[in-house]
Amino acid sequence: MTVIPDELCVGIVASENACEVAELDASSVPEPVEFPTSPLGRAALRVYLAGQGRPLRLAVSGDAAMGMAFAVGPTANCNTYIVAPGVADHPVALARYAARAV
């Protein structure tokens, strides 16, 4: 799998109670972290992603995927993919999916 060095691939599993996030770039092994799904948690995730300062590729799955994708994803340098749980249901798998998506 090849990740373009200036892009950050992020996998997000969004449920009603928690949001698991993993990021993958050309030089790192993905490590999942968790954010709350409250408005404050969504804002914190949005600020965290915006602070990366590079193009993003988000793959989002889970019960609250659409709401989370709209809450954190729509920026000028962001590609967002809504992924069925049967395709990938873990944040690391979703980050890898984002790296492969065309």
PDB file of N, CA and C in Angstrom:
ATOM      1  N   MET A   1       0.840  -1.170   0.000  1.00  0.00           N
ATOM      2  CA  MET A   1       0.000   0.000   0.000  1.00  0.00           C
ATOM      3  C   MET A   1       0.887   1.236   0.000  1.00  0.00           C
ATOM      4  N   THR A   2       0.558   2.178  -0.847  1.00  0.00           N
ATOM      5  CA  THR A   2       1.319   3.413  -0.937  1.00  0.00           C
ATOM      6  C   THR A   2       0.460   4.574  -0.465  1.00  0.00           C
ATOM      7  N   VAL A   3       0.987   5.329   0.477  1.00  0.00           N
ATOM      8  CA  VAL A   3       0.320   6.534   0.950  1.00  0.00           C
ATOM      9  C   VAL A   3       1.096   7.717   0.404  1.00  0.00           C
ATOM     10  N   ILE A   4       0.400   8.652  -0.228  1.00  0.00           N
ATOM     11  CA  ILE A   4       1.049   9.848  -0.742  1.00  0.00           C
ATOM     12  C   ILE A   4       1.562  10.646   0.449  1.00  0.00           C
ATOM     13  N   PRO A   5       2.838  11.022   0.475  1.00  0.00           N
ATOM     14  CA  PRO A   5       3.442  11.625   1.663  1.00  0.00           C
ATOM     15  C   PRO A   5       2.754  12.871   2.203  1.00  0.00           C
ATOM     16  N   ASP A   6       2.149  13.691   1.355  1.00  0.00           N
ATOM     17  CA  ASP A   6       1.546  14.911   1.889  1.00  0.00           C
ATOM     18  C   ASP A   6       0.084  14.738   2.272  1.00  0.00           C
ATOM     19  N   GLU A   7      -0.479  13.550   2.119  1.00  0.00           N
ATOM     20  CA  GLU A   7      -1.858  13.293   2.506  1.00  0.00           C
ATOM     21  C   GLU A   7      -1.906  12.518   3.811  1.00  0.00           C
ATOM     22  N   LEU A   8      -2.890  12.827   4.627  1.00  0.00           N
ATOM     23  CA  LEU A   8      -3.121  12.091   5.857  1.00  0.00           C
ATOM     24  C   LEU A   8      -4.402  11.298   5.678  1.00  0.00           C
ATOM     25  N   CYS A   9      -4.325   9.979   5.834  1.00  0.00           N
ATOM     26  CA  CYS A   9      -5.485   9.110   5.708  1.00  0.00           C
ATOM     27  C   CYS A   9      -6.014   8.813   7.105  1.00  0.00           C
ATOM     28  N   VAL A  10      -7.310   9.041   7.290  1.00  0.00           N
ATOM     29  CA  VAL A  10      -7.921   8.919   8.606  1.00  0.00           C
ATOM     30  C   VAL A  10      -9.114   7.978   8.515  1.00  0.00           C
ATOM     31  N   GLY A  11      -9.179   7.035   9.446  1.00  0.00           N
ATOM     32  CA  GLY A  11     -10.319   6.151   9.575  1.00  0.00           C
ATOM     33  C   GLY A  11     -11.102   6.515  10.818  1.00  0.00           C
ATOM     34  N   ILE A  12     -12.418   6.621  10.691  1.00  0.00           N
ATOM     35  CA  ILE A  12     -13.277   7.003  11.803  1.00  0.00           C
ATOM     36  C   ILE A  12     -14.439   6.025  11.902  1.00  0.00           C
ATOM     37  N   VAL A  13     -14.591   5.413  13.079  1.00  0.00           N
ATOM     38  CA  VAL A  13     -15.780   4.613  13.377  1.00  0.00           C
ATOM     39  C   VAL A  13     -16.609   5.453  14.336  1.00  0.00           C
ATOM     40  N   ALA A  14     -17.775   5.877  13.871  1.00  0.00           N
ATOM     41  CA  ALA A  14     -18.626   6.775  14.647  1.00  0.00           C
ATOM     42  C   ALA A  14     -19.869   6.031  15.122  1.00  0.00           C
ATOM     43  N   SER A  15     -19.999   5.905  16.432  1.00  0.00           N
ATOM     44  CA  SER A  15     -21.208   5.333  17.010  1.00  0.00           C
ATOM     45  C   SER A  15     -21.915   6.435  17.797  1.00  0.00           C
ATOM     46  N   GLU A  16     -23.007   6.095  18.458  1.00  0.00           N
ATOM     47  CA  GLU A  16     -23.729   7.108  19.217  1.00  0.00           C
ATOM     48  C   GLU A  16     -22.950   7.567  20.440  1.00  0.00           C
ATOM     49  N   ASN A  17     -22.078   6.719  20.993  1.00  0.00           N
ATOM     50  CA  ASN A  17     -21.398   7.042  22.247  1.00  0.00           C
ATOM     51  C   ASN A  17     -19.919   7.370  22.110  1.00  0.00           C
ATOM     52  N   ALA A  18     -19.283   6.938  21.050  1.00  0.00           N
ATOM     53  CA  ALA A  18     -17.834   7.135  20.915  1.00  0.00           C
ATOM     54  C   ALA A  18     -17.450   7.248  19.451  1.00  0.00           C
ATOM     55  N   CYS A  19     -16.317   7.861  19.244  1.00  0.00           N
ATOM     56  CA  CYS A  19     -15.770   8.026  17.897  1.00  0.00           C
ATOM     57  C   CYS A  19     -14.319   7.560  17.943  1.00  0.00           C
ATOM     58  N   GLU A  20     -14.046   6.409  17.331  1.00  0.00           N
ATOM     59  CA  GLU A  20     -12.682   5.887  17.282  1.00  0.00           C
ATOM     60  C   GLU A  20     -12.014   6.384  16.014  1.00  0.00           C
ATOM     61  N   VAL A  21     -10.783   6.863  16.147  1.00  0.00           N
ATOM     62  CA  VAL A  21     -10.071   7.485  15.038  1.00  0.00           C
ATOM     63  C   VAL A  21      -8.676   6.875  14.926  1.00  0.00           C
ATOM     64  N   ALA A  22      -8.245   6.603  13.693  1.00  0.00           N
ATOM     65  CA  ALA A  22      -6.863   6.180  13.432  1.00  0.00           C
ATOM     66  C   ALA A  22      -6.363   6.964  12.230  1.00  0.00           C
ATOM     67  N   GLU A  23      -5.115   7.400  12.299  1.00  0.00           N
ATOM     68  CA  GLU A  23      -4.532   8.120  11.170  1.00  0.00           C
ATOM     69  C   GLU A  23      -3.361   7.326  10.613  1.00  0.00           C
ATOM     70  N   LEU A  24      -3.153   7.476   9.325  1.00  0.00           N
ATOM     71  CA  LEU A  24      -2.110   6.750   8.622  1.00  0.00           C
ATOM     72  C   LEU A  24      -1.454   7.707   7.647  1.00  0.00           C
ATOM     73  N   ASP A  25      -0.133   7.844   7.757  1.00  0.00           N
ATOM     74  CA  ASP A  25       0.595   8.603   6.744  1.00  0.00           C
ATOM     75  C   ASP A  25       1.775   7.757   6.284  1.00  0.00           C
ATOM     76  N   ALA A  26       2.605   8.308   5.449  1.00  0.00           N
ATOM     77  CA  ALA A  26       3.674   7.523   4.829  1.00  0.00           C
ATOM     78  C   ALA A  26       4.720   7.041   5.823  1.00  0.00           C
ATOM     79  N   SER A  27       4.786   7.634   7.002  1.00  0.00           N
ATOM     80  CA  SER A  27       5.871   7.284   7.918  1.00  0.00           C
ATOM     81  C   SER A  27       5.405   6.695   9.245  1.00  0.00           C
ATOM     82  N   SER A  28       4.124   6.391   9.411  1.00  0.00           N
ATOM     83  CA  SER A  28       3.689   5.946  10.730  1.00  0.00           C
ATOM     84  C   SER A  28       2.846   4.690  10.688  1.00  0.00           C
ATOM     85  N   VAL A  29       2.808   4.047  11.823  1.00  0.00           N
ATOM     86  CA  VAL A  29       1.908   2.918  12.047  1.00  0.00           C
ATOM     87  C   VAL A  29       0.656   3.509  12.698  1.00  0.00           C
ATOM     88  N   PRO A  30      -0.529   3.171  12.192  1.00  0.00           N
ATOM     89  CA  PRO A  30      -1.737   3.789  12.741  1.00  0.00           C
ATOM     90  C   PRO A  30      -1.993   3.360  14.187  1.00  0.00           C
ATOM     91  N   GLU A  31      -2.360   4.328  15.000  1.00  0.00           N
ATOM     92  CA  GLU A  31      -2.708   4.080  16.400  1.00  0.00           C
ATOM     93  C   GLU A  31      -4.086   4.675  16.651  1.00  0.00           C
ATOM     94  N   PRO A  32      -5.052   3.863  17.057  1.00  0.00           N
ATOM     95  CA  PRO A  32      -6.395   4.400  17.311  1.00  0.00           C
ATOM     96  C   PRO A  32      -6.436   5.301  18.547  1.00  0.00           C
ATOM     97  N   VAL A  33      -7.213   6.357  18.462  1.00  0.00           N
ATOM     98  CA  VAL A  33      -7.516   7.240  19.588  1.00  0.00           C
ATOM     99  C   VAL A  33      -9.032   7.412  19.621  1.00  0.00           C
ATOM    100  N   GLU A  34      -9.548   7.931  20.720  1.00  0.00           N
ATOM    101  CA  GLU A  34     -10.992   8.055  20.847  1.00  0.00           C
ATOM    102  C   GLU A  34     -11.392   9.489  21.192  1.00  0.00           C
ATOM    103  N   PHE A  35     -12.475   9.934  20.570  1.00  0.00           N
ATOM    104  CA  PHE A  35     -13.080  11.231  20.848  1.00  0.00           C
ATOM    105  C   PHE A  35     -14.533  10.993  21.241  1.00  0.00           C
ATOM    106  N   PRO A  36     -15.093  11.815  22.114  1.00  0.00           N
ATOM    107  CA  PRO A  36     -16.524  11.700  22.395  1.00  0.00           C
ATOM    108  C   PRO A  36     -17.334  12.177  21.194  1.00  0.00           C
ATOM    109  N   THR A  37     -18.569  11.732  21.096  1.00  0.00           N
ATOM    110  CA  THR A  37     -19.411  12.147  19.971  1.00  0.00           C
ATOM    111  C   THR A  37     -20.257  13.373  20.300  1.00  0.00           C
ATOM    112  N   SER A  38     -20.008  13.966  21.436  1.00  0.00           N
ATOM    113  CA  SER A  38     -20.715  15.191  21.820  1.00  0.00           C
ATOM    114  C   SER A  38     -20.315  16.321  20.870  1.00  0.00           C
ATOM    115  N   PRO A  39     -21.048  17.410  20.869  1.00  0.00           N
ATOM    116  CA  PRO A  39     -20.647  18.557  20.038  1.00  0.00           C
ATOM    117  C   PRO A  39     -19.214  19.027  20.345  1.00  0.00           C
ATOM    118  N   LEU A  40     -18.828  19.001  21.607  1.00  0.00           N
ATOM    119  CA  LEU A  40     -17.473  19.396  21.972  1.00  0.00           C
ATOM    120  C   LEU A  40     -16.444  18.405  21.421  1.00  0.00           C
ATOM    121  N   GLY A  41     -16.758  17.116  21.472  1.00  0.00           N
ATOM    122  CA  GLY A  41     -15.857  16.105  20.920  1.00  0.00           C
ATOM    123  C   GLY A  41     -15.703  16.237  19.414  1.00  0.00           C
ATOM    124  N   ARG A  42     -16.808  16.518  18.724  1.00  0.00           N
ATOM    125  CA  ARG A  42     -16.750  16.727  17.268  1.00  0.00           C
ATOM    126  C   ARG A  42     -15.917  17.961  16.936  1.00  0.00           C
ATOM    127  N   ALA A  43     -16.104  19.013  17.715  1.00  0.00           N
ATOM    128  CA  ALA A  43     -15.316  20.232  17.491  1.00  0.00           C
ATOM    129  C   ALA A  43     -13.836  19.964  17.733  1.00  0.00           C
ATOM    130  N   ALA A  44     -13.526  19.191  18.777  1.00  0.00           N
ATOM    131  CA  ALA A  44     -12.124  18.861  19.067  1.00  0.00           C
ATOM    132  C   ALA A  44     -11.516  18.060  17.924  1.00  0.00           C
ATOM    133  N   LEU A  45     -12.257  17.103  17.386  1.00  0.00           N
ATOM    134  CA  LEU A  45     -11.764  16.307  16.260  1.00  0.00           C
ATOM    135  C   LEU A  45     -11.575  17.182  15.029  1.00  0.00           C
ATOM    136  N   ARG A  46     -12.519  18.085  14.772  1.00  0.00           N
ATOM    137  CA  ARG A  46     -12.408  18.990  13.619  1.00  0.00           C
ATOM    138  C   ARG A  46     -11.166  19.874  13.741  1.00  0.00           C
ATOM    139  N   VAL A  47     -10.911  20.415  14.929  1.00  0.00           N
ATOM    140  CA  VAL A  47      -9.730  21.256  15.155  1.00  0.00           C
ATOM    141  C   VAL A  47      -8.458  20.428  15.006  1.00  0.00           C
ATOM    142  N   TYR A  48      -8.472  19.218  15.534  1.00  0.00           N
ATOM    143  CA  TYR A  48      -7.309  18.327  15.409  1.00  0.00           C
ATOM    144  C   TYR A  48      -6.992  18.052  13.940  1.00  0.00           C
ATOM    145  N   LEU A  49      -8.008  17.720  13.156  1.00  0.00           N
ATOM    146  CA  LEU A  49      -7.783  17.420  11.738  1.00  0.00           C
ATOM    147  C   LEU A  49      -7.355  18.666  10.972  1.00  0.00           C
ATOM    148  N   ALA A  50      -7.966  19.803  11.264  1.00  0.00           N
ATOM    149  CA  ALA A  50      -7.596  21.044  10.579  1.00  0.00           C
ATOM    150  C   ALA A  50      -6.163  21.443  10.904  1.00  0.00           C
ATOM    151  N   GLY A  51      -5.703  21.118  12.094  1.00  0.00           N
ATOM    152  CA  GLY A  51      -4.351  21.459  12.506  1.00  0.00           C
ATOM    153  C   GLY A  51      -3.269  20.645  11.832  1.00  0.00           C
ATOM    154  N   GLN A  52      -3.641  19.623  11.080  1.00  0.00           N
ATOM    155  CA  GLN A  52      -2.652  18.802  10.398  1.00  0.00           C
ATOM    156  C   GLN A  52      -1.993  19.564   9.248  1.00  0.00           C
ATOM    157  N   GLY A  53      -2.683  20.532   8.686  1.00  0.00           N
ATOM    158  CA  GLY A  53      -2.101  21.386   7.660  1.00  0.00           C
ATOM    159  C   GLY A  53      -1.759  20.680   6.363  1.00  0.00           C
ATOM    160  N   ARG A  54      -2.486  19.635   6.037  1.00  0.00           N
ATOM    161  CA  ARG A  54      -2.246  18.943   4.764  1.00  0.00           C
ATOM    162  C   ARG A  54      -3.546  18.297   4.305  1.00  0.00           C
ATOM    163  N   PRO A  55      -3.608  17.870   3.054  1.00  0.00           N
ATOM    164  CA  PRO A  55      -4.840  17.254   2.553  1.00  0.00           C
ATOM    165  C   PRO A  55      -5.209  16.010   3.359  1.00  0.00           C
ATOM    166  N   LEU A  56      -6.517  15.811   3.522  1.00  0.00           N
ATOM    167  CA  LEU A  56      -7.031  14.680   4.279  1.00  0.00           C
ATOM    168  C   LEU A  56      -7.831  13.755   3.393  1.00  0.00           C
ATOM    169  N   ARG A  57      -7.789  12.486   3.734  1.00  0.00           N
ATOM    170  CA  ARG A  57      -8.651  11.476   3.133  1.00  0.00           C
ATOM    171  C   ARG A  57      -9.330  10.770   4.298  1.00  0.00           C
ATOM    172  N   LEU A  58     -10.635  11.004   4.480  1.00  0.00           N
ATOM    173  CA  LEU A  58     -11.380  10.431   5.592  1.00  0.00           C
ATOM    174  C   LEU A  58     -12.248   9.285   5.113  1.00  0.00           C
ATOM    175  N   ALA A  59     -12.180   8.153   5.796  1.00  0.00           N
ATOM    176  CA  ALA A  59     -13.103   7.048   5.584  1.00  0.00           C
ATOM    177  C   ALA A  59     -13.876   6.885   6.882  1.00  0.00           C
ATOM    178  N   VAL A  60     -15.199   7.023   6.803  1.00  0.00           N
ATOM    179  CA  VAL A  60     -16.050   7.029   7.988  1.00  0.00           C
ATOM    180  C   VAL A  60     -17.064   5.901   7.897  1.00  0.00           C
ATOM    181  N   SER A  61     -17.245   5.184   9.010  1.00  0.00           N
ATOM    182  CA  SER A  61     -18.188   4.086   9.081  1.00  0.00           C
ATOM    183  C   SER A  61     -18.868   4.116  10.440  1.00  0.00           C
ATOM    184  N   GLY A  62     -19.936   3.356  10.596  1.00  0.00           N
ATOM    185  CA  GLY A  62     -20.616   3.250  11.878  1.00  0.00           C
ATOM    186  C   GLY A  62     -22.012   3.841  11.838  1.00  0.00           C
ATOM    187  N   ASP A  63     -22.728   3.691  12.966  1.00  0.00           N
ATOM    188  CA  ASP A  63     -24.112   4.140  13.067  1.00  0.00           C
ATOM    189  C   ASP A  63     -24.267   5.638  12.846  1.00  0.00           C
ATOM    190  N   ALA A  64     -23.292   6.418  13.267  1.00  0.00           N
ATOM    191  CA  ALA A  64     -23.371   7.879  13.161  1.00  0.00           C
ATOM    192  C   ALA A  64     -22.409   8.424  12.105  1.00  0.00           C
ATOM    193  N   ALA A  65     -22.123   7.623  11.077  1.00  0.00           N
ATOM    194  CA  ALA A  65     -21.115   7.996  10.073  1.00  0.00           C
ATOM    195  C   ALA A  65     -21.468   9.271   9.317  1.00  0.00           C
ATOM    196  N   MET A  66     -22.698   9.389   8.854  1.00  0.00           N
ATOM    197  CA  MET A  66     -23.066  10.556   8.054  1.00  0.00           C
ATOM    198  C   MET A  66     -22.935  11.848   8.857  1.00  0.00           C
ATOM    199  N   GLY A  67     -23.464  11.857  10.052  1.00  0.00           N
ATOM    200  CA  GLY A  67     -23.379  13.054  10.886  1.00  0.00           C
ATOM    201  C   GLY A  67     -21.948  13.423  11.214  1.00  0.00           C
ATOM    202  N   MET A  68     -21.140  12.422  11.516  1.00  0.00           N
ATOM    203  CA  MET A  68     -19.731  12.683  11.845  1.00  0.00           C
ATOM    204  C   MET A  68     -18.987  13.189  10.611  1.00  0.00           C
ATOM    205  N   ALA A  69     -19.249  12.601   9.460  1.00  0.00           N
ATOM    206  CA  ALA A  69     -18.573  13.039   8.231  1.00  0.00           C
ATOM    207  C   ALA A  69     -18.894  14.496   7.930  1.00  0.00           C
ATOM    208  N   PHE A  70     -20.157  14.885   8.073  1.00  0.00           N
ATOM    209  CA  PHE A  70     -20.526  16.276   7.826  1.00  0.00           C
ATOM    210  C   PHE A  70     -19.973  17.204   8.900  1.00  0.00           C
ATOM    211  N   ALA A  71     -19.844  16.715  10.121  1.00  0.00           N
ATOM    212  CA  ALA A  71     -19.369  17.560  11.216  1.00  0.00           C
ATOM    213  C   ALA A  71     -17.876  17.840  11.132  1.00  0.00           C
ATOM    214  N   VAL A  72     -17.090  16.882  10.668  1.00  0.00           N
ATOM    215  CA  VAL A  72     -15.632  17.065  10.704  1.00  0.00           C
ATOM    216  C   VAL A  72     -14.977  17.143   9.336  1.00  0.00           C
ATOM    217  N   GLY A  73     -15.653  16.718   8.273  1.00  0.00           N
ATOM    218  CA  GLY A  73     -14.973  16.542   7.015  1.00  0.00           C
ATOM    219  C   GLY A  73     -15.009  17.628   5.971  1.00  0.00           C
ATOM    220  N   PRO A  74     -16.072  18.376   5.833  1.00  0.00           N
ATOM    221  CA  PRO A  74     -16.148  19.237   4.654  1.00  0.00           C
ATOM    222  C   PRO A  74     -15.181  20.430   4.701  1.00  0.00           C
ATOM    223  N   THR A  75     -14.020  20.237   4.133  1.00  0.00           N
ATOM    224  CA  THR A  75     -13.056  21.318   3.970  1.00  0.00           C
ATOM    225  C   THR A  75     -12.538  21.282   2.547  1.00  0.00           C
ATOM    226  N   ALA A  76     -11.783  22.282   2.173  1.00  0.00           N
ATOM    227  CA  ALA A  76     -11.292  22.385   0.799  1.00  0.00           C
ATOM    228  C   ALA A  76     -10.352  21.239   0.433  1.00  0.00           C
ATOM    229  N   ASN A  77      -9.532  20.786   1.353  1.00  0.00           N
ATOM    230  CA  ASN A  77      -8.540  19.746   1.053  1.00  0.00           C
ATOM    231  C   ASN A  77      -8.882  18.430   1.727  1.00  0.00           C
ATOM    232  N   CYS A  78     -10.135  18.009   1.596  1.00  0.00           N
ATOM    233  CA  CYS A  78     -10.569  16.787   2.274  1.00  0.00           C
ATOM    234  C   CYS A  78     -11.458  15.961   1.357  1.00  0.00           C
ATOM    235  N   ASN A  79     -11.088  14.709   1.173  1.00  0.00           N
ATOM    236  CA  ASN A  79     -11.937  13.744   0.480  1.00  0.00           C
ATOM    237  C   ASN A  79     -12.551  12.856   1.549  1.00  0.00           C
ATOM    238  N   THR A  80     -13.875  12.708   1.528  1.00  0.00           N
ATOM    239  CA  THR A  80     -14.571  11.924   2.539  1.00  0.00           C
ATOM    240  C   THR A  80     -15.277  10.752   1.879  1.00  0.00           C
ATOM    241  N   TYR A  81     -15.100   9.566   2.463  1.00  0.00           N
ATOM    242  CA  TYR A  81     -15.711   8.342   1.966  1.00  0.00           C
ATOM    243  C   TYR A  81     -16.569   7.750   3.080  1.00  0.00           C
ATOM    244  N   ILE A  82     -17.840   7.505   2.811  1.00  0.00           N
ATOM    245  CA  ILE A  82     -18.713   6.801   3.743  1.00  0.00           C
ATOM    246  C   ILE A  82     -18.607   5.323   3.376  1.00  0.00           C
ATOM    247  N   VAL A  83     -18.226   4.499   4.345  1.00  0.00           N
ATOM    248  CA  VAL A  83     -17.911   3.095   4.091  1.00  0.00           C
ATOM    249  C   VAL A  83     -18.883   2.206   4.854  1.00  0.00           C
ATOM    250  N   ALA A  84     -19.436   1.210   4.186  1.00  0.00           N
ATOM    251  CA  ALA A  84     -20.318   0.253   4.847  1.00  0.00           C
ATOM    252  C   ALA A  84     -19.539  -0.549   5.882  1.00  0.00           C
ATOM    253  N   PRO A  85     -20.135  -0.817   7.045  1.00  0.00           N
ATOM    254  CA  PRO A  85     -19.435  -1.578   8.081  1.00  0.00           C
ATOM    255  C   PRO A  85     -18.945  -2.950   7.615  1.00  0.00           C
ATOM    256  N   GLY A  86     -19.619  -3.538   6.638  1.00  0.00           N
ATOM    257  CA  GLY A  86     -19.175  -4.822   6.116  1.00  0.00           C
ATOM    258  C   GLY A  86     -17.871  -4.740   5.339  1.00  0.00           C
ATOM    259  N   VAL A  87     -17.528  -3.572   4.862  1.00  0.00           N
ATOM    260  CA  VAL A  87     -16.283  -3.369   4.117  1.00  0.00           C
ATOM    261  C   VAL A  87     -15.124  -3.143   5.069  1.00  0.00           C
ATOM    262  N   ALA A  88     -15.321  -2.287   6.049  1.00  0.00           N
ATOM    263  CA  ALA A  88     -14.292  -2.001   7.058  1.00  0.00           C
ATOM    264  C   ALA A  88     -15.006  -1.451   8.292  1.00  0.00           C
ATOM    265  N   ASP A  89     -14.707  -2.027   9.449  1.00  0.00           N
ATOM    266  CA  ASP A  89     -15.403  -1.590  10.663  1.00  0.00           C
ATOM    267  C   ASP A  89     -14.463  -1.287  11.823  1.00  0.00           C
ATOM    268  N   HIS A  90     -13.186  -1.083  11.523  1.00  0.00           N
ATOM    269  CA  HIS A  90     -12.188  -0.729  12.527  1.00  0.00           C
ATOM    270  C   HIS A  90     -11.454   0.505  12.019  1.00  0.00           C
ATOM    271  N   PRO A  91     -11.090   1.454  12.904  1.00  0.00           N
ATOM    272  CA  PRO A  91     -10.477   2.689  12.408  1.00  0.00           C
ATOM    273  C   PRO A  91      -9.202   2.485  11.597  1.00  0.00           C
ATOM    274  N   VAL A  92      -8.384   1.501  11.957  1.00  0.00           N
ATOM    275  CA  VAL A  92      -7.149   1.248  11.198  1.00  0.00           C
ATOM    276  C   VAL A  92      -7.495   0.738   9.799  1.00  0.00           C
ATOM    277  N   ALA A  93      -8.464  -0.177   9.718  1.00  0.00           N
ATOM    278  CA  ALA A  93      -8.897  -0.686   8.412  1.00  0.00           C
ATOM    279  C   ALA A  93      -9.487   0.438   7.569  1.00  0.00           C
ATOM    280  N   LEU A  94     -10.205   1.341   8.190  1.00  0.00           N
ATOM    281  CA  LEU A  94     -10.767   2.476   7.462  1.00  0.00           C
ATOM    282  C   LEU A  94      -9.683   3.433   6.978  1.00  0.00           C
ATOM    283  N   ALA A  95      -8.656   3.662   7.777  1.00  0.00           N
ATOM    284  CA  ALA A  95      -7.540   4.507   7.339  1.00  0.00           C
ATOM    285  C   ALA A  95      -6.853   3.882   6.129  1.00  0.00           C
ATOM    286  N   ARG A  96      -6.705   2.579   6.156  1.00  0.00           N
ATOM    287  CA  ARG A  96      -6.114   1.886   4.993  1.00  0.00           C
ATOM    288  C   ARG A  96      -7.039   1.961   3.788  1.00  0.00           C
ATOM    289  N   TYR A  97      -8.339   1.877   4.014  1.00  0.00           N
ATOM    290  CA  TYR A  97      -9.301   2.033   2.923  1.00  0.00           C
ATOM    291  C   TYR A  97      -9.155   3.429   2.296  1.00  0.00           C
ATOM    292  N   ALA A  98      -9.037   4.454   3.144  1.00  0.00           N
ATOM    293  CA  ALA A  98      -8.881   5.823   2.628  1.00  0.00           C
ATOM    294  C   ALA A  98      -7.624   5.952   1.788  1.00  0.00           C
ATOM    295  N   ALA A  99      -6.566   5.221   2.167  1.00  0.00           N
ATOM    296  CA  ALA A  99      -5.315   5.273   1.408  1.00  0.00           C
ATOM    297  C   ALA A  99      -5.479   4.652   0.029  1.00  0.00           C
ATOM    298  N   ARG A 100      -6.356   3.655  -0.088  1.00  0.00           N
ATOM    299  CA  ARG A 100      -6.547   2.963  -1.372  1.00  0.00           C
ATOM    300  C   ARG A 100      -7.627   3.574  -2.239  1.00  0.00           C
ATOM    301  N   ALA A 101      -8.547   4.326  -1.645  1.00  0.00           N
ATOM    302  CA  ALA A 101      -9.706   4.837  -2.391  1.00  0.00           C
ATOM    303  C   ALA A 101      -9.263   5.790  -3.496  1.00  0.00           C
ATOM    304  N   VAL A 102      -9.963   5.692  -4.611  1.00  0.00           N
ATOM    305  CA  VAL A 102      -9.663   6.553  -5.763  1.00  0.00           C
ATOM    306  C   VAL A 102     -10.639   7.676  -5.836  1.00  0.00           C
TER     307      VAL A 102
END
